[in-house]
Amino acid sequence: MRGTPGIVLVFVLLAGCSQGPKYCDVSGTVTLDGQSVEDGDILFADVGGVLGPDAAKIKGGHFQAKVKEGKKRIEINAPKIIPGGAKGAGGEPVPEETIPTEYNTKSTLTEEVTVAGPNEFKFTLQGRKK
């Protein structure tokens, strides 16, 4: 039985590694100035920066996703082509962000995602970019 303690240690380490993060069902709505965000993306970034972010599509103002448990920084984007807006090098229309930066690149929105749930979030954004 010379190698037994080493084998037990390997099994204990493997059992600990297989746990991984817990995923939770999340859903909700996103409005901007009282109107549903028709098409966009929502990102749930780990506040501690340890776990990678989880994302979902926003369609018709609603989203659903599997998100890792924990405190999350929320980023919401909804780029679209604006008539008469930005043009690319070849003159083609370029999508412009319609959500103010305080809800995406400079977001301070946070939510706690828990296994206990219900993880239903309502994001009511103000200040449509023109």
N, C-alpha and C. Protein backbone atom coordinates (compact mmCIF):
# COMPACT_ATOMS: atom_id res chain seq x y z
N MET A 1 0.82 -1.20 0.00
CA MET A 1 0.00 0.00 0.00
C MET A 1 0.85 1.24 0.00
N ARG A 2 2.01 1.18 -0.60
CA ARG A 2 2.92 2.33 -0.57
C ARG A 2 2.35 3.55 -1.28
N GLY A 3 1.71 3.42 -2.43
CA GLY A 3 1.27 4.56 -3.22
C GLY A 3 -0.13 5.05 -2.90
N THR A 4 -0.81 4.47 -1.94
CA THR A 4 -2.21 4.80 -1.67
C THR A 4 -2.44 6.26 -1.31
N PRO A 5 -1.66 6.91 -0.42
CA PRO A 5 -1.93 8.33 -0.12
C PRO A 5 -1.87 9.22 -1.36
N GLY A 6 -0.96 8.94 -2.27
CA GLY A 6 -0.86 9.73 -3.50
C GLY A 6 -2.08 9.56 -4.38
N ILE A 7 -2.58 8.33 -4.47
CA ILE A 7 -3.77 8.06 -5.28
C ILE A 7 -4.98 8.77 -4.69
N VAL A 8 -5.12 8.73 -3.38
CA VAL A 8 -6.24 9.42 -2.72
C VAL A 8 -6.16 10.91 -2.99
N LEU A 9 -4.98 11.48 -2.91
CA LEU A 9 -4.79 12.91 -3.17
C LEU A 9 -5.19 13.27 -4.59
N VAL A 10 -4.83 12.45 -5.55
CA VAL A 10 -5.20 12.69 -6.95
C VAL A 10 -6.72 12.69 -7.10
N PHE A 11 -7.40 11.73 -6.49
CA PHE A 11 -8.86 11.68 -6.58
C PHE A 11 -9.51 12.89 -5.92
N VAL A 12 -8.99 13.33 -4.80
CA VAL A 12 -9.52 14.51 -4.12
C VAL A 12 -9.34 15.74 -5.00
N LEU A 13 -8.18 15.91 -5.61
CA LEU A 13 -7.93 17.05 -6.47
C LEU A 13 -8.82 17.02 -7.71
N LEU A 14 -8.99 15.85 -8.31
CA LEU A 14 -9.85 15.73 -9.49
C LEU A 14 -11.30 16.04 -9.14
N ALA A 15 -11.75 15.59 -7.99
CA ALA A 15 -13.13 15.87 -7.57
C ALA A 15 -13.34 17.37 -7.39
N GLY A 16 -12.36 18.06 -6.83
CA GLY A 16 -12.45 19.50 -6.63
C GLY A 16 -12.44 20.26 -7.94
N CYS A 17 -11.69 19.79 -8.92
CA CYS A 17 -11.59 20.48 -10.21
C CYS A 17 -12.84 20.31 -11.05
N SER A 18 -13.56 19.23 -10.86
CA SER A 18 -14.71 18.97 -11.72
C SER A 18 -15.93 19.78 -11.31
N GLN A 19 -15.88 20.51 -10.22
CA GLN A 19 -17.05 21.26 -9.76
C GLN A 19 -17.41 22.38 -10.74
N GLY A 20 -16.50 23.28 -11.02
CA GLY A 20 -16.74 24.37 -11.97
C GLY A 20 -17.82 25.33 -11.49
N PRO A 21 -18.04 26.39 -12.25
CA PRO A 21 -19.06 27.38 -11.87
C PRO A 21 -20.47 26.82 -12.07
N LYS A 22 -21.40 27.35 -11.30
CA LYS A 22 -22.80 26.96 -11.43
C LYS A 22 -23.48 27.93 -12.37
N TYR A 23 -24.21 27.39 -13.34
CA TYR A 23 -24.94 28.21 -14.30
C TYR A 23 -26.39 28.36 -13.86
N CYS A 24 -26.93 29.54 -14.07
CA CYS A 24 -28.30 29.85 -13.67
C CYS A 24 -29.07 30.39 -14.87
N ASP A 25 -30.36 30.09 -14.91
CA ASP A 25 -31.22 30.68 -15.94
C ASP A 25 -31.48 32.13 -15.56
N VAL A 26 -31.26 33.04 -16.51
CA VAL A 26 -31.60 34.44 -16.32
C VAL A 26 -32.50 34.88 -17.47
N SER A 27 -33.34 35.85 -17.19
CA SER A 27 -34.20 36.41 -18.22
C SER A 27 -34.57 37.82 -17.81
N GLY A 28 -35.15 38.54 -18.75
CA GLY A 28 -35.58 39.88 -18.40
C GLY A 28 -35.92 40.73 -19.61
N THR A 29 -36.05 42.02 -19.32
CA THR A 29 -36.43 42.98 -20.35
C THR A 29 -35.46 44.16 -20.34
N VAL A 30 -35.37 44.82 -21.50
CA VAL A 30 -34.54 46.01 -21.63
C VAL A 30 -35.35 47.06 -22.39
N THR A 31 -35.49 48.23 -21.77
CA THR A 31 -36.12 49.36 -22.44
C THR A 31 -35.18 50.55 -22.42
N LEU A 32 -35.35 51.41 -23.41
CA LEU A 32 -34.58 52.65 -23.49
C LEU A 32 -35.57 53.77 -23.74
N ASP A 33 -35.64 54.71 -22.81
CA ASP A 33 -36.59 55.82 -22.87
C ASP A 33 -38.01 55.32 -23.10
N GLY A 34 -38.39 54.26 -22.39
CA GLY A 34 -39.74 53.74 -22.44
C GLY A 34 -40.05 52.83 -23.62
N GLN A 35 -39.08 52.62 -24.51
CA GLN A 35 -39.28 51.76 -25.68
C GLN A 35 -38.43 50.50 -25.56
N SER A 36 -38.99 49.37 -25.97
CA SER A 36 -38.23 48.11 -25.95
C SER A 36 -37.00 48.24 -26.84
N VAL A 37 -35.89 47.70 -26.35
CA VAL A 37 -34.70 47.59 -27.19
C VAL A 37 -34.96 46.39 -28.09
N GLU A 38 -35.16 46.64 -29.37
CA GLU A 38 -35.62 45.60 -30.30
C GLU A 38 -34.54 44.59 -30.65
N ASP A 39 -33.30 45.02 -30.75
CA ASP A 39 -32.23 44.13 -31.17
C ASP A 39 -30.93 44.59 -30.52
N GLY A 40 -30.31 43.71 -29.76
CA GLY A 40 -29.07 44.10 -29.10
C GLY A 40 -28.42 42.92 -28.40
N ASP A 41 -27.49 43.24 -27.53
CA ASP A 41 -26.75 42.23 -26.77
C ASP A 41 -26.65 42.69 -25.33
N ILE A 42 -26.65 41.71 -24.42
CA ILE A 42 -26.44 42.00 -23.00
C ILE A 42 -25.33 41.08 -22.52
N LEU A 43 -24.39 41.65 -21.78
CA LEU A 43 -23.22 40.93 -21.30
C LEU A 43 -23.24 40.92 -19.78
N PHE A 44 -23.02 39.76 -19.19
CA PHE A 44 -22.92 39.59 -17.74
C PHE A 44 -21.46 39.29 -17.43
N ALA A 45 -20.71 40.30 -17.00
CA ALA A 45 -19.28 40.15 -16.71
C ALA A 45 -19.06 39.96 -15.21
N ASP A 46 -18.22 39.01 -14.86
CA ASP A 46 -17.90 38.72 -13.47
C ASP A 46 -17.23 39.93 -12.83
N VAL A 47 -17.83 40.44 -11.74
CA VAL A 47 -17.27 41.62 -11.06
C VAL A 47 -15.86 41.35 -10.56
N GLY A 48 -15.60 40.14 -10.10
CA GLY A 48 -14.27 39.78 -9.61
C GLY A 48 -13.27 39.56 -10.73
N GLY A 49 -13.74 39.45 -11.96
CA GLY A 49 -12.85 39.27 -13.09
C GLY A 49 -12.24 37.87 -13.20
N VAL A 50 -12.72 36.94 -12.37
CA VAL A 50 -12.16 35.59 -12.37
C VAL A 50 -12.78 34.75 -13.47
N LEU A 51 -14.09 34.82 -13.62
CA LEU A 51 -14.80 34.02 -14.61
C LEU A 51 -15.05 34.82 -15.87
N GLY A 52 -15.05 34.18 -17.00
CA GLY A 52 -15.34 34.86 -18.26
C GLY A 52 -16.79 35.33 -18.30
N PRO A 53 -17.08 36.29 -19.17
CA PRO A 53 -18.44 36.83 -19.26
C PRO A 53 -19.40 35.87 -19.96
N ASP A 54 -20.69 36.09 -19.73
CA ASP A 54 -21.75 35.37 -20.42
C ASP A 54 -22.58 36.41 -21.15
N ALA A 55 -23.12 36.03 -22.31
CA ALA A 55 -23.85 37.00 -23.13
C ALA A 55 -25.17 36.42 -23.60
N ALA A 56 -26.08 37.31 -23.97
CA ALA A 56 -27.37 36.92 -24.54
C ALA A 56 -27.79 37.95 -25.57
N LYS A 57 -28.61 37.52 -26.51
CA LYS A 57 -29.20 38.42 -27.50
C LYS A 57 -30.46 39.03 -26.91
N ILE A 58 -30.68 40.30 -27.22
CA ILE A 58 -31.92 40.97 -26.87
C ILE A 58 -32.76 41.00 -28.15
N LYS A 59 -33.96 40.46 -28.08
CA LYS A 59 -34.88 40.45 -29.21
C LYS A 59 -36.24 40.93 -28.71
N GLY A 60 -36.76 41.97 -29.33
CA GLY A 60 -38.07 42.49 -28.93
C GLY A 60 -38.12 42.93 -27.49
N GLY A 61 -36.98 43.38 -26.97
CA GLY A 61 -36.92 43.86 -25.59
C GLY A 61 -36.71 42.79 -24.54
N HIS A 62 -36.60 41.51 -24.95
CA HIS A 62 -36.46 40.40 -24.00
C HIS A 62 -35.14 39.65 -24.22
N PHE A 63 -34.63 39.04 -23.15
CA PHE A 63 -33.44 38.20 -23.24
C PHE A 63 -33.58 37.00 -22.32
N GLN A 64 -32.87 35.92 -22.66
CA GLN A 64 -32.76 34.71 -21.84
C GLN A 64 -31.37 34.17 -22.03
N ALA A 65 -30.79 33.63 -20.94
CA ALA A 65 -29.44 33.07 -21.05
C ALA A 65 -29.14 32.16 -19.86
N LYS A 66 -28.07 31.42 -20.00
CA LYS A 66 -27.46 30.68 -18.89
C LYS A 66 -26.25 31.50 -18.48
N VAL A 67 -26.21 31.90 -17.20
CA VAL A 67 -25.16 32.78 -16.70
C VAL A 67 -24.55 32.17 -15.44
N LYS A 68 -23.24 32.29 -15.32
CA LYS A 68 -22.56 31.78 -14.13
C LYS A 68 -23.00 32.56 -12.90
N GLU A 69 -23.14 31.85 -11.79
CA GLU A 69 -23.55 32.43 -10.52
C GLU A 69 -22.54 33.49 -10.07
N GLY A 70 -23.03 34.54 -9.42
CA GLY A 70 -22.16 35.56 -8.83
C GLY A 70 -22.61 36.97 -9.16
N LYS A 71 -21.85 37.94 -8.64
CA LYS A 71 -22.14 39.35 -8.89
C LYS A 71 -21.63 39.71 -10.29
N LYS A 72 -22.49 40.34 -11.07
CA LYS A 72 -22.18 40.64 -12.47
C LYS A 72 -22.29 42.13 -12.77
N ARG A 73 -21.38 42.59 -13.61
CA ARG A 73 -21.45 43.94 -14.19
C ARG A 73 -22.18 43.77 -15.52
N ILE A 74 -23.19 44.58 -15.75
CA ILE A 74 -24.03 44.44 -16.92
C ILE A 74 -23.64 45.46 -17.98
N GLU A 75 -23.48 45.00 -19.22
CA GLU A 75 -23.22 45.88 -20.36
C GLU A 75 -24.27 45.60 -21.42
N ILE A 76 -24.90 46.67 -21.92
CA ILE A 76 -25.96 46.53 -22.91
C ILE A 76 -25.58 47.32 -24.16
N ASN A 77 -25.67 46.67 -25.31
CA ASN A 77 -25.34 47.29 -26.59
C ASN A 77 -26.47 47.06 -27.58
N ALA A 78 -26.72 48.06 -28.42
CA ALA A 78 -27.73 47.93 -29.47
C ALA A 78 -27.32 48.79 -30.66
N PRO A 79 -26.26 48.38 -31.38
CA PRO A 79 -25.85 49.17 -32.54
C PRO A 79 -26.83 49.01 -33.70
N LYS A 80 -27.04 50.09 -34.43
CA LYS A 80 -27.86 49.99 -35.64
C LYS A 80 -27.45 51.07 -36.62
N ILE A 81 -27.83 50.85 -37.86
CA ILE A 81 -27.51 51.82 -38.91
C ILE A 81 -28.51 52.97 -38.80
N ILE A 82 -27.98 54.16 -38.70
CA ILE A 82 -28.78 55.38 -38.58
C ILE A 82 -28.81 56.05 -39.95
N PRO A 83 -30.00 56.31 -40.51
CA PRO A 83 -30.06 57.01 -41.80
C PRO A 83 -29.30 58.34 -41.72
N GLY A 84 -28.42 58.56 -42.67
CA GLY A 84 -27.61 59.77 -42.68
C GLY A 84 -26.48 59.75 -41.66
N GLY A 85 -26.26 58.59 -41.04
CA GLY A 85 -25.24 58.48 -39.99
C GLY A 85 -23.86 58.19 -40.53
N ALA A 86 -23.06 57.56 -39.69
CA ALA A 86 -21.65 57.29 -40.00
C ALA A 86 -21.49 56.44 -41.26
N LYS A 87 -20.40 56.71 -41.96
CA LYS A 87 -20.07 55.98 -43.19
C LYS A 87 -18.68 55.37 -43.06
N GLY A 88 -18.51 54.21 -43.67
CA GLY A 88 -17.20 53.55 -43.70
C GLY A 88 -16.33 54.15 -44.79
N ALA A 89 -15.12 53.62 -44.93
CA ALA A 89 -14.15 54.12 -45.91
C ALA A 89 -14.69 54.06 -47.33
N GLY A 90 -15.53 53.08 -47.64
CA GLY A 90 -16.10 52.95 -48.97
C GLY A 90 -17.45 53.63 -49.11
N GLY A 91 -17.85 54.40 -48.11
CA GLY A 91 -19.13 55.10 -48.15
C GLY A 91 -20.30 54.27 -47.65
N GLU A 92 -20.04 53.03 -47.23
CA GLU A 92 -21.11 52.16 -46.73
C GLU A 92 -21.54 52.61 -45.33
N PRO A 93 -22.84 52.44 -45.01
CA PRO A 93 -23.30 52.81 -43.66
C PRO A 93 -22.64 51.94 -42.59
N VAL A 94 -22.31 52.52 -41.46
CA VAL A 94 -21.67 51.82 -40.35
C VAL A 94 -22.62 51.87 -39.15
N PRO A 95 -22.86 50.72 -38.51
CA PRO A 95 -23.73 50.73 -37.33
C PRO A 95 -23.18 51.65 -36.24
N GLU A 96 -24.09 52.35 -35.58
CA GLU A 96 -23.73 53.24 -34.47
C GLU A 96 -24.42 52.74 -33.20
N GLU A 97 -23.72 52.87 -32.08
CA GLU A 97 -24.29 52.45 -30.79
C GLU A 97 -25.43 53.39 -30.41
N THR A 98 -26.59 52.82 -30.07
CA THR A 98 -27.75 53.63 -29.68
C THR A 98 -27.93 53.71 -28.16
N ILE A 99 -27.17 52.91 -27.44
CA ILE A 99 -27.27 52.90 -25.97
C ILE A 99 -26.15 53.79 -25.40
N PRO A 100 -26.49 54.70 -24.48
CA PRO A 100 -25.46 55.55 -23.87
C PRO A 100 -24.36 54.73 -23.18
N THR A 101 -23.16 55.28 -23.17
CA THR A 101 -21.99 54.57 -22.62
C THR A 101 -22.14 54.20 -21.15
N GLU A 102 -22.98 54.90 -20.39
CA GLU A 102 -23.13 54.54 -18.97
C GLU A 102 -23.82 53.19 -18.78
N TYR A 103 -24.29 52.59 -19.88
CA TYR A 103 -24.89 51.27 -19.80
C TYR A 103 -24.06 50.21 -20.53
N ASN A 104 -22.91 50.59 -21.10
CA ASN A 104 -22.05 49.59 -21.74
C ASN A 104 -20.60 49.83 -21.36
N THR A 105 -19.82 50.57 -22.12
CA THR A 105 -18.39 50.68 -21.84
C THR A 105 -18.08 51.30 -20.48
N LYS A 106 -18.98 52.14 -19.96
CA LYS A 106 -18.78 52.77 -18.64
C LYS A 106 -19.86 52.34 -17.66
N SER A 107 -20.39 51.14 -17.86
CA SER A 107 -21.54 50.68 -17.07
C SER A 107 -21.22 50.55 -15.59
N THR A 108 -22.19 50.99 -14.78
CA THR A 108 -22.15 50.75 -13.33
C THR A 108 -23.31 49.85 -12.92
N LEU A 109 -24.04 49.31 -13.91
CA LEU A 109 -25.14 48.39 -13.62
C LEU A 109 -24.58 47.08 -13.07
N THR A 110 -25.14 46.59 -11.99
CA THR A 110 -24.75 45.29 -11.44
C THR A 110 -25.99 44.51 -11.03
N GLU A 111 -25.86 43.21 -11.04
CA GLU A 111 -26.90 42.31 -10.57
C GLU A 111 -26.23 41.09 -9.95
N GLU A 112 -26.94 40.47 -9.02
CA GLU A 112 -26.47 39.24 -8.39
C GLU A 112 -27.24 38.08 -9.00
N VAL A 113 -26.52 37.14 -9.61
CA VAL A 113 -27.13 35.95 -10.20
C VAL A 113 -26.94 34.82 -9.20
N THR A 114 -28.06 34.20 -8.78
CA THR A 114 -27.99 33.16 -7.75
C THR A 114 -28.68 31.89 -8.21
N VAL A 115 -28.22 30.77 -7.66
CA VAL A 115 -28.85 29.48 -7.94
C VAL A 115 -30.29 29.50 -7.43
N ALA A 116 -30.54 30.21 -6.33
CA ALA A 116 -31.88 30.27 -5.75
C ALA A 116 -32.86 31.04 -6.63
N GLY A 117 -32.32 31.89 -7.54
CA GLY A 117 -33.16 32.64 -8.49
C GLY A 117 -34.02 33.68 -7.81
N PRO A 118 -34.98 34.27 -8.48
CA PRO A 118 -35.46 33.88 -9.80
C PRO A 118 -34.64 34.45 -10.96
N ASN A 119 -33.74 35.40 -10.74
CA ASN A 119 -32.85 35.94 -11.78
C ASN A 119 -33.62 36.53 -12.97
N GLU A 120 -34.68 37.28 -12.64
CA GLU A 120 -35.44 38.00 -13.65
C GLU A 120 -35.13 39.48 -13.47
N PHE A 121 -34.53 40.09 -14.50
CA PHE A 121 -34.04 41.46 -14.39
C PHE A 121 -34.76 42.37 -15.37
N LYS A 122 -35.02 43.59 -14.91
CA LYS A 122 -35.65 44.60 -15.75
C LYS A 122 -34.70 45.79 -15.82
N PHE A 123 -34.21 46.08 -17.01
CA PHE A 123 -33.29 47.20 -17.19
C PHE A 123 -34.05 48.32 -17.90
N THR A 124 -34.27 49.40 -17.17
CA THR A 124 -34.99 50.56 -17.68
C THR A 124 -33.96 51.67 -17.88
N LEU A 125 -33.51 51.83 -19.11
CA LEU A 125 -32.43 52.75 -19.43
C LEU A 125 -33.00 54.10 -19.88
N GLN A 126 -32.24 55.16 -19.63
CA GLN A 126 -32.65 56.52 -19.99
C GLN A 126 -31.54 57.20 -20.80
N GLY A 127 -31.95 58.13 -21.65
CA GLY A 127 -30.96 58.95 -22.34
C GLY A 127 -30.55 58.46 -23.69
N ARG A 128 -31.51 58.18 -24.55
CA ARG A 128 -31.21 57.67 -25.90
C ARG A 128 -30.19 58.58 -26.58
N LYS A 129 -29.20 57.93 -27.20
CA LYS A 129 -28.22 58.67 -27.99
C LYS A 129 -28.89 59.07 -29.30
N LYS A 130 -28.66 60.27 -29.72
CA LYS A 130 -29.26 60.75 -30.98
C LYS A 130 -28.28 60.55 -32.11
